[in-house]
Amino acid sequence: MAVSAVLLGACGEVSPGRCVDTNCEDYTSQSAAQAAYEADPECREDLDADKDGVACEEDGNSVRWCPSTSACGCSNKNKSACGGDPCCRWVVGSGCGCR
Protein backbone atom coordinates (compact mmCIF):
# COMPACT_ATOMS: atom_id res chain seq x y z
CA MET A 1 0.00 0.00 0.00
CA ALA A 2 2.77 2.46 0.85
CA VAL A 3 4.55 1.66 -2.42
CA SER A 4 1.54 2.68 -4.53
CA ALA A 5 1.25 6.00 -2.67
CA VAL A 6 4.88 6.77 -3.39
CA LEU A 7 4.47 5.91 -7.08
CA LEU A 8 1.37 8.06 -7.45
CA GLY A 9 3.12 11.00 -5.85
CA ALA A 10 5.99 10.78 -8.34
CA CYS A 11 3.89 10.77 -11.52
CA GLY A 12 2.51 13.57 -13.60
CA GLU A 13 4.28 16.65 -12.29
CA VAL A 14 7.58 18.29 -13.09
CA SER A 15 9.56 18.88 -9.93
CA PRO A 16 10.02 22.51 -8.89
CA GLY A 17 13.17 23.93 -10.43
CA ARG A 18 12.97 21.66 -13.48
CA CYS A 19 11.87 23.00 -16.84
CA VAL A 20 10.75 21.10 -19.91
CA ASP A 21 13.34 21.81 -22.63
CA THR A 22 11.99 23.74 -25.61
CA ASN A 23 13.54 25.75 -28.41
CA CYS A 24 12.33 27.96 -31.26
CA GLU A 25 11.64 25.06 -33.60
CA ASP A 26 8.97 23.81 -31.17
CA TYR A 27 6.74 26.79 -32.06
CA THR A 28 4.85 27.54 -35.27
CA SER A 29 5.26 31.31 -34.96
CA GLN A 30 7.30 33.92 -33.16
CA SER A 31 4.14 35.06 -31.37
CA ALA A 32 3.54 31.55 -29.99
CA ALA A 33 7.14 31.41 -28.77
CA GLN A 34 6.75 34.89 -27.27
CA ALA A 35 3.59 33.86 -25.40
CA ALA A 36 5.36 30.82 -23.95
CA TYR A 37 8.33 32.97 -22.96
CA GLU A 38 6.12 35.57 -21.27
CA ALA A 39 4.15 32.88 -19.43
CA ASP A 40 7.33 31.43 -17.90
CA PRO A 41 10.46 33.48 -18.69
CA GLU A 42 12.62 31.51 -16.26
CA CYS A 43 11.91 28.16 -17.93
CA ARG A 44 11.83 29.61 -21.46
CA GLU A 45 14.96 31.79 -21.22
CA ASP A 46 16.51 29.71 -24.02
CA LEU A 47 13.98 31.29 -26.42
CA ASP A 48 15.56 34.72 -25.86
CA ALA A 49 19.17 34.36 -26.97
CA ASP A 50 20.09 38.04 -26.63
CA LYS A 51 18.17 38.54 -23.35
CA ASP A 52 16.12 41.49 -24.60
CA GLY A 53 12.71 40.02 -23.74
CA VAL A 54 11.86 39.04 -27.33
CA ALA A 55 11.70 35.31 -28.08
CA CYS A 56 12.97 33.68 -31.29
CA GLU A 57 13.65 36.95 -33.11
CA GLU A 58 16.98 36.06 -34.71
CA ASP A 59 17.29 35.47 -38.44
CA GLY A 60 17.78 31.81 -39.18
CA ASN A 61 15.90 30.49 -36.15
CA SER A 62 13.65 27.62 -37.02
CA VAL A 63 10.32 29.18 -36.05
CA ARG A 64 7.90 28.61 -38.89
CA TRP A 65 6.41 31.93 -39.96
CA CYS A 66 2.83 31.28 -41.01
CA PRO A 67 0.90 33.85 -43.06
CA SER A 68 -2.18 35.08 -41.24
CA THR A 69 -4.18 35.62 -44.41
CA SER A 70 -6.24 33.27 -46.53
CA ALA A 71 -3.19 32.96 -48.80
CA CYS A 72 -1.49 30.61 -46.35
CA GLY A 73 -1.58 27.72 -48.81
CA CYS A 74 -3.85 25.49 -46.76
CA SER A 75 -7.04 25.49 -48.82
CA ASN A 76 -7.75 22.38 -50.90
CA LYS A 77 -5.42 20.19 -48.79
CA ASN A 78 -6.79 16.85 -47.67
CA LYS A 79 -6.95 16.04 -43.96
CA SER A 80 -3.62 14.21 -43.95
CA ALA A 81 -1.71 16.98 -45.75
CA CYS A 82 -3.42 19.61 -43.62
CA GLY A 83 -2.33 17.90 -40.40
CA GLY A 84 1.24 17.72 -41.63
CA ASP A 85 1.56 21.48 -42.14
CA PRO A 86 2.14 23.51 -38.95
CA CYS A 87 0.48 26.55 -40.53
CA CYS A 88 -2.77 24.69 -41.25
CA ARG A 89 -5.55 23.24 -39.14
CA TRP A 90 -8.37 20.89 -40.05
CA VAL A 91 -11.88 22.07 -39.18
CA VAL A 92 -14.64 19.46 -39.41
CA GLY A 93 -17.23 20.65 -41.91
CA SER A 94 -14.96 23.34 -43.35
CA GLY A 95 -11.79 21.51 -44.33
CA CYS A 96 -8.26 22.80 -44.15
CA GLY A 97 -7.61 26.43 -43.26
CA CYS A 98 -4.97 28.77 -41.89
CA ARG A 99 -4.04 28.71 -38.21
PDB file of N, CA and C in Angstrom:
ATOM      1  N   MET A   1       0.822  -1.193   0.000  1.00  0.00           N
ATOM      2  CA  MET A   1       0.000   0.000   0.000  1.00  0.00           C
ATOM      3  C   MET A   1       0.864   1.254   0.000  1.00  0.00           C
ATOM      4  N   ALA A   2       1.892   1.297   0.791  1.00  0.00           N
ATOM      5  CA  ALA A   2       2.775   2.465   0.847  1.00  0.00           C
ATOM      6  C   ALA A   2       3.514   2.667  -0.468  1.00  0.00           C
ATOM      7  N   VAL A   3       3.834   1.566  -1.149  1.00  0.00           N
ATOM      8  CA  VAL A   3       4.545   1.664  -2.419  1.00  0.00           C
ATOM      9  C   VAL A   3       3.686   2.375  -3.457  1.00  0.00           C
ATOM     10  N   SER A   4       2.399   2.042  -3.539  1.00  0.00           N
ATOM     11  CA  SER A   4       1.543   2.683  -4.533  1.00  0.00           C
ATOM     12  C   SER A   4       1.384   4.172  -4.249  1.00  0.00           C
ATOM     13  N   ALA A   5       1.350   4.577  -3.007  1.00  0.00           N
ATOM     14  CA  ALA A   5       1.247   5.995  -2.674  1.00  0.00           C
ATOM     15  C   ALA A   5       2.488   6.749  -3.124  1.00  0.00           C
ATOM     16  N   VAL A   6       3.637   6.136  -2.966  1.00  0.00           N
ATOM     17  CA  VAL A   6       4.883   6.765  -3.389  1.00  0.00           C
ATOM     18  C   VAL A   6       4.909   6.897  -4.904  1.00  0.00           C
ATOM     19  N   LEU A   7       4.478   5.863  -5.622  1.00  0.00           N
ATOM     20  CA  LEU A   7       4.473   5.909  -7.076  1.00  0.00           C
ATOM     21  C   LEU A   7       3.505   6.960  -7.600  1.00  0.00           C
ATOM     22  N   LEU A   8       2.334   7.064  -7.005  1.00  0.00           N
ATOM     23  CA  LEU A   8       1.371   8.056  -7.453  1.00  0.00           C
ATOM     24  C   LEU A   8       1.881   9.467  -7.219  1.00  0.00           C
ATOM     25  N   GLY A   9       2.575   9.684  -6.141  1.00  0.00           N
ATOM     26  CA  GLY A   9       3.118  11.004  -5.849  1.00  0.00           C
ATOM     27  C   GLY A   9       4.211  11.409  -6.808  1.00  0.00           C
ATOM     28  N   ALA A  10       4.870  10.464  -7.454  1.00  0.00           N
ATOM     29  CA  ALA A  10       5.989  10.778  -8.339  1.00  0.00           C
ATOM     30  C   ALA A  10       5.570  10.974  -9.789  1.00  0.00           C
ATOM     31  N   CYS A  11       4.316  10.704 -10.117  1.00  0.00           N
ATOM     32  CA  CYS A  11       3.887  10.771 -11.519  1.00  0.00           C
ATOM     33  C   CYS A  11       3.185  12.082 -11.838  1.00  0.00           C
ATOM     34  N   GLY A  12       3.344  12.513 -13.070  1.00  0.00           N
ATOM     35  CA  GLY A  12       2.515  13.570 -13.604  1.00  0.00           C
ATOM     36  C   GLY A  12       2.946  15.001 -13.382  1.00  0.00           C
ATOM     37  N   GLU A  13       3.885  15.272 -12.516  1.00  0.00           N
ATOM     38  CA  GLU A  13       4.282  16.647 -12.287  1.00  0.00           C
ATOM     39  C   GLU A  13       5.770  16.803 -12.484  1.00  0.00           C
ATOM     40  N   VAL A  14       6.162  17.963 -12.983  1.00  0.00           N
ATOM     41  CA  VAL A  14       7.576  18.286 -13.086  1.00  0.00           C
ATOM     42  C   VAL A  14       7.987  18.864 -11.746  1.00  0.00           C
ATOM     43  N   SER A  15       9.082  18.400 -11.219  1.00  0.00           N
ATOM     44  CA  SER A  15       9.559  18.885  -9.931  1.00  0.00           C
ATOM     45  C   SER A  15       9.868  20.369 -10.005  1.00  0.00           C
ATOM     46  N   PRO A  16       9.652  21.088  -8.907  1.00  0.00           N
ATOM     47  CA  PRO A  16      10.018  22.507  -8.894  1.00  0.00           C
ATOM     48  C   PRO A  16      11.492  22.672  -9.253  1.00  0.00           C
ATOM     49  N   GLY A  17      11.796  23.702 -10.027  1.00  0.00           N
ATOM     50  CA  GLY A  17      13.172  23.932 -10.430  1.00  0.00           C
ATOM     51  C   GLY A  17      13.564  23.207 -11.704  1.00  0.00           C
ATOM     52  N   ARG A  18      12.681  22.388 -12.235  1.00  0.00           N
ATOM     53  CA  ARG A  18      12.975  21.662 -13.482  1.00  0.00           C
ATOM     54  C   ARG A  18      12.057  22.177 -14.572  1.00  0.00           C
ATOM     55  N   CYS A  19      12.631  22.477 -15.704  1.00  0.00           N
ATOM     56  CA  CYS A  19      11.868  22.999 -16.836  1.00  0.00           C
ATOM     57  C   CYS A  19      11.898  22.001 -17.979  1.00  0.00           C
ATOM     58  N   VAL A  20      10.806  21.923 -18.710  1.00  0.00           N
ATOM     59  CA  VAL A  20      10.754  21.104 -19.912  1.00  0.00           C
ATOM     60  C   VAL A  20      11.533  21.849 -20.993  1.00  0.00           C
ATOM     61  N   ASP A  21      12.482  21.178 -21.635  1.00  0.00           N
ATOM     62  CA  ASP A  21      13.337  21.807 -22.634  1.00  0.00           C
ATOM     63  C   ASP A  21      12.550  22.108 -23.903  1.00  0.00           C
ATOM     64  N   THR A  22      12.585  23.347 -24.339  1.00  0.00           N
ATOM     65  CA  THR A  22      11.993  23.744 -25.613  1.00  0.00           C
ATOM     66  C   THR A  22      12.975  24.645 -26.347  1.00  0.00           C
ATOM     67  N   ASN A  23      12.756  24.804 -27.633  1.00  0.00           N
ATOM     68  CA  ASN A  23      13.543  25.751 -28.414  1.00  0.00           C
ATOM     69  C   ASN A  23      12.644  26.321 -29.503  1.00  0.00           C
ATOM     70  N   CYS A  24      13.160  27.243 -30.280  1.00  0.00           N
ATOM     71  CA  CYS A  24      12.333  27.960 -31.259  1.00  0.00           C
ATOM     72  C   CYS A  24      11.629  27.030 -32.240  1.00  0.00           C
ATOM     73  N   GLU A  25      12.263  25.947 -32.624  1.00  0.00           N
ATOM     74  CA  GLU A  25      11.639  25.056 -33.604  1.00  0.00           C
ATOM     75  C   GLU A  25      10.409  24.338 -33.061  1.00  0.00           C
ATOM     76  N   ASP A  26      10.161  24.416 -31.758  1.00  0.00           N
ATOM     77  CA  ASP A  26       8.975  23.805 -31.173  1.00  0.00           C
ATOM     78  C   ASP A  26       7.722  24.663 -31.355  1.00  0.00           C
ATOM     79  N   TYR A  27       7.856  25.861 -31.907  1.00  0.00           N
ATOM     80  CA  TYR A  27       6.739  26.793 -32.058  1.00  0.00           C
ATOM     81  C   TYR A  27       6.482  27.077 -33.533  1.00  0.00           C
ATOM     82  N   THR A  28       5.201  27.296 -33.870  1.00  0.00           N
ATOM     83  CA  THR A  28       4.847  27.545 -35.269  1.00  0.00           C
ATOM     84  C   THR A  28       4.935  29.013 -35.644  1.00  0.00           C
ATOM     85  N   SER A  29       5.126  29.877 -34.663  1.00  0.00           N
ATOM     86  CA  SER A  29       5.257  31.305 -34.961  1.00  0.00           C
ATOM     87  C   SER A  29       6.060  31.981 -33.859  1.00  0.00           C
ATOM     88  N   GLN A  30       6.576  33.155 -34.168  1.00  0.00           N
ATOM     89  CA  GLN A  30       7.297  33.921 -33.162  1.00  0.00           C
ATOM     90  C   GLN A  30       6.342  34.328 -32.052  1.00  0.00           C
ATOM     91  N   SER A  31       5.096  34.644 -32.397  1.00  0.00           N
ATOM     92  CA  SER A  31       4.141  35.065 -31.366  1.00  0.00           C
ATOM     93  C   SER A  31       3.813  33.926 -30.401  1.00  0.00           C
ATOM     94  N   ALA A  32       3.765  32.698 -30.883  1.00  0.00           N
ATOM     95  CA  ALA A  32       3.538  31.551 -29.993  1.00  0.00           C
ATOM     96  C   ALA A  32       4.732  31.361 -29.062  1.00  0.00           C
ATOM     97  N   ALA A  33       5.938  31.506 -29.597  1.00  0.00           N
ATOM     98  CA  ALA A  33       7.143  31.409 -28.767  1.00  0.00           C
ATOM     99  C   ALA A  33       7.172  32.543 -27.750  1.00  0.00           C
ATOM    100  N   GLN A  34       6.773  33.736 -28.167  1.00  0.00           N
ATOM    101  CA  GLN A  34       6.754  34.888 -27.265  1.00  0.00           C
ATOM    102  C   GLN A  34       5.768  34.666 -26.126  1.00  0.00           C
ATOM    103  N   ALA A  35       4.589  34.130 -26.441  1.00  0.00           N
ATOM    104  CA  ALA A  35       3.588  33.863 -25.404  1.00  0.00           C
ATOM    105  C   ALA A  35       4.110  32.854 -24.393  1.00  0.00           C
ATOM    106  N   ALA A  36       4.782  31.815 -24.863  1.00  0.00           N
ATOM    107  CA  ALA A  36       5.356  30.818 -23.954  1.00  0.00           C
ATOM    108  C   ALA A  36       6.442  31.449 -23.092  1.00  0.00           C
ATOM    109  N   TYR A  37       7.263  32.287 -23.699  1.00  0.00           N
ATOM    110  CA  TYR A  37       8.331  32.973 -22.959  1.00  0.00           C
ATOM    111  C   TYR A  37       7.738  33.876 -21.880  1.00  0.00           C
ATOM    112  N   GLU A  38       6.724  34.648 -22.231  1.00  0.00           N
ATOM    113  CA  GLU A  38       6.122  35.567 -21.270  1.00  0.00           C
ATOM    114  C   GLU A  38       5.398  34.835 -20.149  1.00  0.00           C
ATOM    115  N   ALA A  39       4.838  33.662 -20.446  1.00  0.00           N
ATOM    116  CA  ALA A  39       4.149  32.875 -19.427  1.00  0.00           C
ATOM    117  C   ALA A  39       5.116  32.306 -18.396  1.00  0.00           C
ATOM    118  N   ASP A  40       6.347  32.016 -18.816  1.00  0.00           N
ATOM    119  CA  ASP A  40       7.328  31.432 -17.899  1.00  0.00           C
ATOM    120  C   ASP A  40       8.744  31.786 -18.358  1.00  0.00           C
ATOM    121  N   PRO A  41       9.158  33.050 -18.174  1.00  0.00           N
ATOM    122  CA  PRO A  41      10.460  33.479 -18.687  1.00  0.00           C
ATOM    123  C   PRO A  41      11.640  32.721 -18.090  1.00  0.00           C
ATOM    124  N   GLU A  42      11.510  32.250 -16.868  1.00  0.00           N
ATOM    125  CA  GLU A  42      12.618  31.507 -16.263  1.00  0.00           C
ATOM    126  C   GLU A  42      12.841  30.178 -16.972  1.00  0.00           C
ATOM    127  N   CYS A  43      11.769  29.454 -17.260  1.00  0.00           N
ATOM    128  CA  CYS A  43      11.908  28.160 -17.931  1.00  0.00           C
ATOM    129  C   CYS A  43      12.089  28.302 -19.438  1.00  0.00           C
ATOM    130  N   ARG A  44      11.728  29.426 -20.010  1.00  0.00           N
ATOM    131  CA  ARG A  44      11.833  29.614 -21.457  1.00  0.00           C
ATOM    132  C   ARG A  44      12.930  30.603 -21.836  1.00  0.00           C
ATOM    133  N   GLU A  45      13.897  30.827 -20.938  1.00  0.00           N
ATOM    134  CA  GLU A  45      14.961  31.789 -21.220  1.00  0.00           C
ATOM    135  C   GLU A  45      15.774  31.414 -22.451  1.00  0.00           C
ATOM    136  N   ASP A  46      15.778  30.141 -22.821  1.00  0.00           N
ATOM    137  CA  ASP A  46      16.508  29.710 -24.017  1.00  0.00           C
ATOM    138  C   ASP A  46      15.872  30.233 -25.310  1.00  0.00           C
ATOM    139  N   LEU A  47      14.636  30.726 -25.246  1.00  0.00           N
ATOM    140  CA  LEU A  47      13.979  31.286 -26.424  1.00  0.00           C
ATOM    141  C   LEU A  47      14.436  32.724 -26.700  1.00  0.00           C
ATOM    142  N   ASP A  48      15.115  33.331 -25.740  1.00  0.00           N
ATOM    143  CA  ASP A  48      15.560  34.723 -25.858  1.00  0.00           C
ATOM    144  C   ASP A  48      17.082  34.775 -25.802  1.00  0.00           C
ATOM    145  N   ALA A  49      17.711  34.492 -26.923  1.00  0.00           N
ATOM    146  CA  ALA A  49      19.171  34.363 -26.971  1.00  0.00           C
ATOM    147  C   ALA A  49      19.903  35.637 -26.571  1.00  0.00           C
ATOM    148  N   ASP A  50      19.380  36.803 -26.943  1.00  0.00           N
ATOM    149  CA  ASP A  50      20.094  38.043 -26.626  1.00  0.00           C
ATOM    150  C   ASP A  50      19.567  38.739 -25.369  1.00  0.00           C
ATOM    151  N   LYS A  51      18.678  38.072 -24.651  1.00  0.00           N
ATOM    152  CA  LYS A  51      18.171  38.536 -23.350  1.00  0.00           C
ATOM    153  C   LYS A  51      17.539  39.927 -23.401  1.00  0.00           C
ATOM    154  N   ASP A  52      16.788  40.197 -24.491  1.00  0.00           N
ATOM    155  CA  ASP A  52      16.123  41.493 -24.599  1.00  0.00           C
ATOM    156  C   ASP A  52      14.610  41.398 -24.387  1.00  0.00           C
ATOM    157  N   GLY A  53      14.129  40.213 -23.996  1.00  0.00           N
ATOM    158  CA  GLY A  53      12.709  40.022 -23.743  1.00  0.00           C
ATOM    159  C   GLY A  53      11.893  39.622 -24.960  1.00  0.00           C
ATOM    160  N   VAL A  54      12.554  39.441 -26.103  1.00  0.00           N
ATOM    161  CA  VAL A  54      11.860  39.042 -27.333  1.00  0.00           C
ATOM    162  C   VAL A  54      12.324  37.638 -27.711  1.00  0.00           C
ATOM    163  N   ALA A  55      11.381  36.719 -27.806  1.00  0.00           N
ATOM    164  CA  ALA A  55      11.699  35.314 -28.080  1.00  0.00           C
ATOM    165  C   ALA A  55      11.849  35.052 -29.574  1.00  0.00           C
ATOM    166  N   CYS A  56      12.803  34.229 -29.931  1.00  0.00           N
ATOM    167  CA  CYS A  56      12.968  33.685 -31.290  1.00  0.00           C
ATOM    168  C   CYS A  56      12.949  34.754 -32.380  1.00  0.00           C
ATOM    169  N   GLU A  57      13.651  35.850 -32.151  1.00  0.00           N
ATOM    170  CA  GLU A  57      13.648  36.953 -33.115  1.00  0.00           C
ATOM    171  C   GLU A  57      14.788  36.893 -34.120  1.00  0.00           C
ATOM    172  N   GLU A  58      15.777  36.069 -33.886  1.00  0.00           N
ATOM    173  CA  GLU A  58      16.977  36.056 -34.709  1.00  0.00           C
ATOM    174  C   GLU A  58      16.711  35.472 -36.088  1.00  0.00           C
ATOM    175  N   ASP A  59      17.355  36.043 -37.105  1.00  0.00           N
ATOM    176  CA  ASP A  59      17.290  35.470 -38.444  1.00  0.00           C
ATOM    177  C   ASP A  59      17.874  34.068 -38.399  1.00  0.00           C
ATOM    178  N   GLY A  60      17.258  33.164 -39.113  1.00  0.00           N
ATOM    179  CA  GLY A  60      17.780  31.809 -39.178  1.00  0.00           C
ATOM    180  C   GLY A  60      17.260  30.895 -38.089  1.00  0.00           C
ATOM    181  N   ASN A  61      16.468  31.426 -37.123  1.00  0.00           N
ATOM    182  CA  ASN A  61      15.903  30.491 -36.152  1.00  0.00           C
ATOM    183  C   ASN A  61      14.888  29.633 -36.887  1.00  0.00           C
ATOM    184  N   SER A  62      14.484  28.567 -36.291  1.00  0.00           N
ATOM    185  CA  SER A  62      13.649  27.619 -37.015  1.00  0.00           C
ATOM    186  C   SER A  62      12.166  27.761 -36.706  1.00  0.00           C
ATOM    187  N   VAL A  63      11.747  28.936 -36.213  1.00  0.00           N
ATOM    188  CA  VAL A  63      10.321  29.184 -36.046  1.00  0.00           C
ATOM    189  C   VAL A  63       9.702  29.260 -37.431  1.00  0.00           C
ATOM    190  N   ARG A  64       8.599  28.606 -37.608  1.00  0.00           N
ATOM    191  CA  ARG A  64       7.898  28.607 -38.887  1.00  0.00           C
ATOM    192  C   ARG A  64       6.988  29.830 -38.931  1.00  0.00           C
ATOM    193  N   TRP A  65       7.247  30.746 -39.828  1.00  0.00           N
ATOM    194  CA  TRP A  65       6.409  31.935 -39.962  1.00  0.00           C
ATOM    195  C   TRP A  65       5.219  31.586 -40.839  1.00  0.00           C
ATOM    196  N   CYS A  66       4.038  31.632 -40.281  1.00  0.00           N
ATOM    197  CA  CYS A  66       2.826  31.281 -41.007  1.00  0.00           C
ATOM    198  C   CYS A  66       2.071  32.548 -41.391  1.00  0.00           C
ATOM    199  N   PRO A  67       1.696  32.688 -42.652  1.00  0.00           N
ATOM    200  CA  PRO A  67       0.902  33.851 -43.057  1.00  0.00           C
ATOM    201  C   PRO A  67      -0.433  33.847 -42.326  1.00  0.00           C
ATOM    202  N   SER A  68      -0.915  35.001 -41.962  1.00  0.00           N
ATOM    203  CA  SER A  68      -2.182  35.081 -41.236  1.00  0.00           C
ATOM    204  C   SER A  68      -3.351  35.391 -42.161  1.00  0.00           C
ATOM    205  N   THR A  69      -3.124  35.329 -43.443  1.00  0.00           N
ATOM    206  CA  THR A  69      -4.184  35.616 -44.412  1.00  0.00           C
ATOM    207  C   THR A  69      -4.691  34.322 -45.034  1.00  0.00           C
ATOM    208  N   SER A  70      -5.701  34.448 -45.857  1.00  0.00           N
ATOM    209  CA  SER A  70      -6.244  33.267 -46.531  1.00  0.00           C
ATOM    210  C   SER A  70      -5.273  32.718 -47.570  1.00  0.00           C
ATOM    211  N   ALA A  71      -4.187  33.422 -47.836  1.00  0.00           N
ATOM    212  CA  ALA A  71      -3.188  32.964 -48.804  1.00  0.00           C
ATOM    213  C   ALA A  71      -2.101  32.123 -48.131  1.00  0.00           C
ATOM    214  N   CYS A  72      -2.475  31.390 -47.097  1.00  0.00           N
ATOM    215  CA  CYS A  72      -1.485  30.608 -46.348  1.00  0.00           C
ATOM    216  C   CYS A  72      -1.138  29.293 -47.037  1.00  0.00           C
ATOM    217  N   GLY A  73      -1.878  28.940 -48.081  1.00  0.00           N
ATOM    218  CA  GLY A  73      -1.576  27.716 -48.815  1.00  0.00           C
ATOM    219  C   GLY A  73      -2.230  26.472 -48.253  1.00  0.00           C
ATOM    220  N   CYS A  74      -3.218  26.646 -47.396  1.00  0.00           N
ATOM    221  CA  CYS A  74      -3.850  25.488 -46.762  1.00  0.00           C
ATOM    222  C   CYS A  74      -5.116  25.013 -47.469  1.00  0.00           C
ATOM    223  N   SER A  75      -5.789  25.894 -48.190  1.00  0.00           N
ATOM    224  CA  SER A  75      -7.045  25.490 -48.820  1.00  0.00           C
ATOM    225  C   SER A  75      -6.797  24.383 -49.832  1.00  0.00           C
ATOM    226  N   ASN A  76      -7.767  23.529 -49.981  1.00  0.00           N
ATOM    227  CA  ASN A  76      -7.748  22.383 -50.898  1.00  0.00           C
ATOM    228  C   ASN A  76      -6.813  21.258 -50.474  1.00  0.00           C
ATOM    229  N   LYS A  77      -6.230  21.319 -49.279  1.00  0.00           N
ATOM    230  CA  LYS A  77      -5.422  20.193 -48.794  1.00  0.00           C
ATOM    231  C   LYS A  77      -6.357  19.166 -48.167  1.00  0.00           C
ATOM    232  N   ASN A  78      -6.010  17.881 -48.339  1.00  0.00           N
ATOM    233  CA  ASN A  78      -6.795  16.853 -47.670  1.00  0.00           C
ATOM    234  C   ASN A  78      -6.414  16.826 -46.189  1.00  0.00           C
ATOM    235  N   LYS A  79      -7.146  16.051 -45.408  1.00  0.00           N
ATOM    236  CA  LYS A  79      -6.947  16.044 -43.957  1.00  0.00           C
ATOM    237  C   LYS A  79      -5.525  15.645 -43.578  1.00  0.00           C
ATOM    238  N   SER A  80      -4.972  14.672 -44.255  1.00  0.00           N
ATOM    239  CA  SER A  80      -3.618  14.214 -43.949  1.00  0.00           C
ATOM    240  C   SER A  80      -2.585  15.304 -44.229  1.00  0.00           C
ATOM    241  N   ALA A  81      -2.658  15.911 -45.397  1.00  0.00           N
ATOM    242  CA  ALA A  81      -1.710  16.979 -45.755  1.00  0.00           C
ATOM    243  C   ALA A  81      -1.894  18.193 -44.856  1.00  0.00           C
ATOM    244  N   CYS A  82      -3.128  18.476 -44.499  1.00  0.00           N
ATOM    245  CA  CYS A  82      -3.419  19.605 -43.621  1.00  0.00           C
ATOM    246  C   CYS A  82      -2.777  19.399 -42.251  1.00  0.00           C
ATOM    247  N   GLY A  83      -2.908  18.204 -41.714  1.00  0.00           N
ATOM    248  CA  GLY A  83      -2.335  17.902 -40.404  1.00  0.00           C
ATOM    249  C   GLY A  83      -0.822  17.909 -40.396  1.00  0.00           C
ATOM    250  N   GLY A  84      -0.212  17.736 -41.551  1.00  0.00           N
ATOM    251  CA  GLY A  84       1.242  17.721 -41.632  1.00  0.00           C
ATOM    252  C   GLY A  84       1.863  19.093 -41.817  1.00  0.00           C
ATOM    253  N   ASP A  85       1.053  20.123 -41.950  1.00  0.00           N
ATOM    254  CA  ASP A  85       1.560  21.480 -42.142  1.00  0.00           C
ATOM    255  C   ASP A  85       1.301  22.291 -40.874  1.00  0.00           C
ATOM    256  N   PRO A  86       2.345  22.785 -40.212  1.00  0.00           N
ATOM    257  CA  PRO A  86       2.145  23.505 -38.951  1.00  0.00           C
ATOM    258  C   PRO A  86       1.380  24.819 -39.106  1.00  0.00           C
ATOM    259  N   CYS A  87       1.227  25.310 -40.319  1.00  0.00           N
ATOM    260  CA  CYS A  87       0.478  26.551 -40.533  1.00  0.00           C
ATOM    261  C   CYS A  87      -1.004  26.299 -40.784  1.00  0.00           C
ATOM    262  N   CYS A  88      -1.390  25.041 -40.913  1.00  0.00           N
ATOM    263  CA  CYS A  88      -2.767  24.687 -41.246  1.00  0.00           C
ATOM    264  C   CYS A  88      -3.446  23.976 -40.085  1.00  0.00           C
ATOM    265  N   ARG A  89      -4.765  24.029 -40.097  1.00  0.00           N
ATOM    266  CA  ARG A  89      -5.554  23.243 -39.141  1.00  0.00           C
ATOM    267  C   ARG A  89      -6.791  22.724 -39.842  1.00  0.00           C
ATOM    268  N   TRP A  90      -7.193  21.526 -39.468  1.00  0.00           N
ATOM    269  CA  TRP A  90      -8.365  20.887 -40.051  1.00  0.00           C
ATOM    270  C   TRP A  90      -9.579  21.251 -39.212  1.00  0.00           C
ATOM    271  N   VAL A  91     -10.639  21.741 -39.861  1.00  0.00           N
ATOM    272  CA  VAL A  91     -11.885  22.072 -39.185  1.00  0.00           C
ATOM    273  C   VAL A  91     -12.968  21.192 -39.786  1.00  0.00           C
ATOM    274  N   VAL A  92     -13.584  20.352 -38.947  1.00  0.00           N
ATOM    275  CA  VAL A  92     -14.638  19.458 -39.412  1.00  0.00           C
ATOM    276  C   VAL A  92     -15.762  20.296 -40.019  1.00  0.00           C
ATOM    277  N   GLY A  93     -16.165  19.936 -41.211  1.00  0.00           N
ATOM    278  CA  GLY A  93     -17.226  20.649 -41.911  1.00  0.00           C
ATOM    279  C   GLY A  93     -16.725  21.778 -42.799  1.00  0.00           C
ATOM    280  N   SER A  94     -15.516  22.248 -42.549  1.00  0.00           N
ATOM    281  CA  SER A  94     -14.959  23.344 -43.351  1.00  0.00           C
ATOM    282  C   SER A  94     -13.736  22.934 -44.147  1.00  0.00           C
ATOM    283  N   GLY A  95     -13.012  21.947 -43.658  1.00  0.00           N
ATOM    284  CA  GLY A  95     -11.794  21.511 -44.329  1.00  0.00           C
ATOM    285  C   GLY A  95     -10.561  22.176 -43.761  1.00  0.00           C
ATOM    286  N   CYS A  96      -9.553  22.294 -44.588  1.00  0.00           N
ATOM    287  CA  CYS A  96      -8.260  22.805 -44.153  1.00  0.00           C
ATOM    288  C   CYS A  96      -8.220  24.329 -44.270  1.00  0.00           C
ATOM    289  N   GLY A  97      -7.721  24.971 -43.244  1.00  0.00           N
ATOM    290  CA  GLY A  97      -7.612  26.427 -43.257  1.00  0.00           C
ATOM    291  C   GLY A  97      -6.369  26.890 -42.516  1.00  0.00           C
ATOM    292  N   CYS A  98      -6.143  28.183 -42.548  1.00  0.00           N
ATOM    293  CA  CYS A  98      -4.966  28.774 -41.891  1.00  0.00           C
ATOM    294  C   CYS A  98      -5.129  28.746 -40.371  1.00  0.00           C
ATOM    295  N   ARG A  99      -4.022  28.625 -39.678  1.00  0.00           N
ATOM    296  CA  ARG A  99      -4.043  28.713 -38.205  1.00  0.00           C
ATOM    297  C   ARG A  99      -4.233  30.129 -37.770  1.00  0.00           C
TER     298      ARG A  99
END
